[in-house]
């Protein structure tokens, strides 16, 4: 019987850039090592349905790894 301390599950912290237009169309991008600027540029470039001006948003989340999962979140306004 193993009596050693149980190891904590690994958690991967990710950040996703989301371009959101006034009509609710959106496009998202992110990858390991991407800067916010590069990810946002990719999201905007990929967002063919974006109508004109867009609001840049970012999603930051910690995901248990390697366990696959679906995460549900909510928006929290940043303090200025």
Protein backbone atom coordinates (compact mmCIF):
# COMPACT_ATOMS: atom_id res chain seq x y z
CA UNK A 1 0.00 0.00 0.00
CA UNK A 2 1.36 3.40 -1.00
CA UNK A 3 1.37 5.89 1.89
CA UNK A 4 3.12 8.79 0.18
CA UNK A 5 1.53 12.18 -0.33
CA UNK A 6 -0.95 12.37 -3.18
CA UNK A 7 0.22 14.56 -6.01
CA UNK A 8 -1.84 17.56 -7.05
CA UNK A 9 -3.43 17.37 -10.49
CA UNK A 10 -1.61 19.44 -13.08
CA UNK A 11 -3.34 22.66 -14.13
CA UNK A 12 -2.69 24.46 -17.40
CA UNK A 13 -3.35 28.22 -17.45
CA UNK A 14 -4.49 29.47 -20.84
CA UNK A 15 -5.44 32.85 -22.29
CA UNK A 16 -7.71 33.28 -25.31
CA UNK A 17 -8.23 36.50 -27.27
CA UNK A 18 -11.83 37.17 -28.32
CA UNK A 19 -12.89 39.86 -30.80
CA UNK A 20 -16.56 40.75 -30.20
CA UNK A 21 -18.52 43.11 -32.45
CA UNK A 22 -21.64 45.20 -31.68
CA UNK A 23 -23.91 42.58 -33.27
CA UNK A 24 -22.64 39.75 -31.05
CA UNK A 25 -20.45 38.10 -33.69
CA UNK A 26 -17.18 36.83 -32.28
CA UNK A 27 -13.93 35.17 -33.19
CA UNK A 28 -11.33 33.69 -30.83
CA UNK A 29 -7.69 32.60 -30.99
CA UNK A 30 -4.95 31.51 -28.63
CA UNK A 31 -2.04 29.08 -28.41
CA UNK A 32 0.89 28.28 -26.16
CA UNK A 33 3.39 31.11 -26.15
CA UNK A 34 1.19 33.58 -28.06
CA UNK A 35 1.33 37.24 -27.09
CA UNK A 36 -2.01 38.99 -26.49
CA UNK A 37 -1.37 41.09 -29.59
CA UNK A 38 -0.66 38.10 -31.88
CA UNK A 39 -3.68 36.18 -30.59
CA UNK A 40 -5.99 39.19 -31.03
CA UNK A 41 -4.69 39.86 -34.56
CA UNK A 42 -5.37 36.22 -35.43
CA UNK A 43 -8.87 36.37 -33.92
CA UNK A 44 -9.67 39.52 -35.91
CA UNK A 45 -8.19 38.12 -39.14
CA UNK A 46 -10.21 34.90 -38.74
CA UNK A 47 -13.43 36.77 -37.93
CA UNK A 48 -14.88 37.22 -41.39
CA UNK A 49 -18.31 37.81 -39.81
CA UNK A 50 -17.15 40.67 -37.59
CA UNK A 51 -19.09 43.83 -38.44
CA UNK A 52 -16.69 46.77 -38.38
CA UNK A 53 -15.46 47.82 -34.95
CA UNK A 54 -14.83 45.09 -32.39
CA UNK A 55 -14.27 44.97 -28.65
CA UNK A 56 -11.12 43.12 -27.61
CA UNK A 57 -11.76 40.69 -24.75
CA UNK A 58 -9.60 38.04 -23.13
CA UNK A 59 -10.52 34.77 -21.44
CA UNK A 60 -8.09 33.42 -18.86
CA UNK A 61 -8.77 30.01 -17.38
CA UNK A 62 -7.02 27.21 -15.53
CA UNK A 63 -7.83 23.78 -16.95
CA UNK A 64 -7.12 20.49 -15.15
CA UNK A 65 -4.76 18.39 -17.25
CA UNK A 66 -4.90 15.77 -18.70
CA UNK A 67 -8.54 15.29 -17.69
CA UNK A 68 -10.73 16.53 -20.57
CA UNK A 69 -13.46 18.86 -19.41
CA UNK A 70 -15.91 21.54 -20.45
CA UNK A 71 -15.70 24.77 -18.49
CA UNK A 72 -18.53 27.22 -17.94
CA UNK A 73 -17.61 30.74 -16.91
CA UNK A 74 -18.95 34.19 -16.33
CA UNK A 75 -17.67 37.67 -17.03
CA UNK A 76 -16.19 39.63 -14.17
CA UNK A 77 -15.57 43.31 -14.78
CA UNK A 78 -12.01 44.42 -14.21
CA UNK A 79 -11.43 47.02 -11.54
CA UNK A 80 -9.95 50.21 -12.94
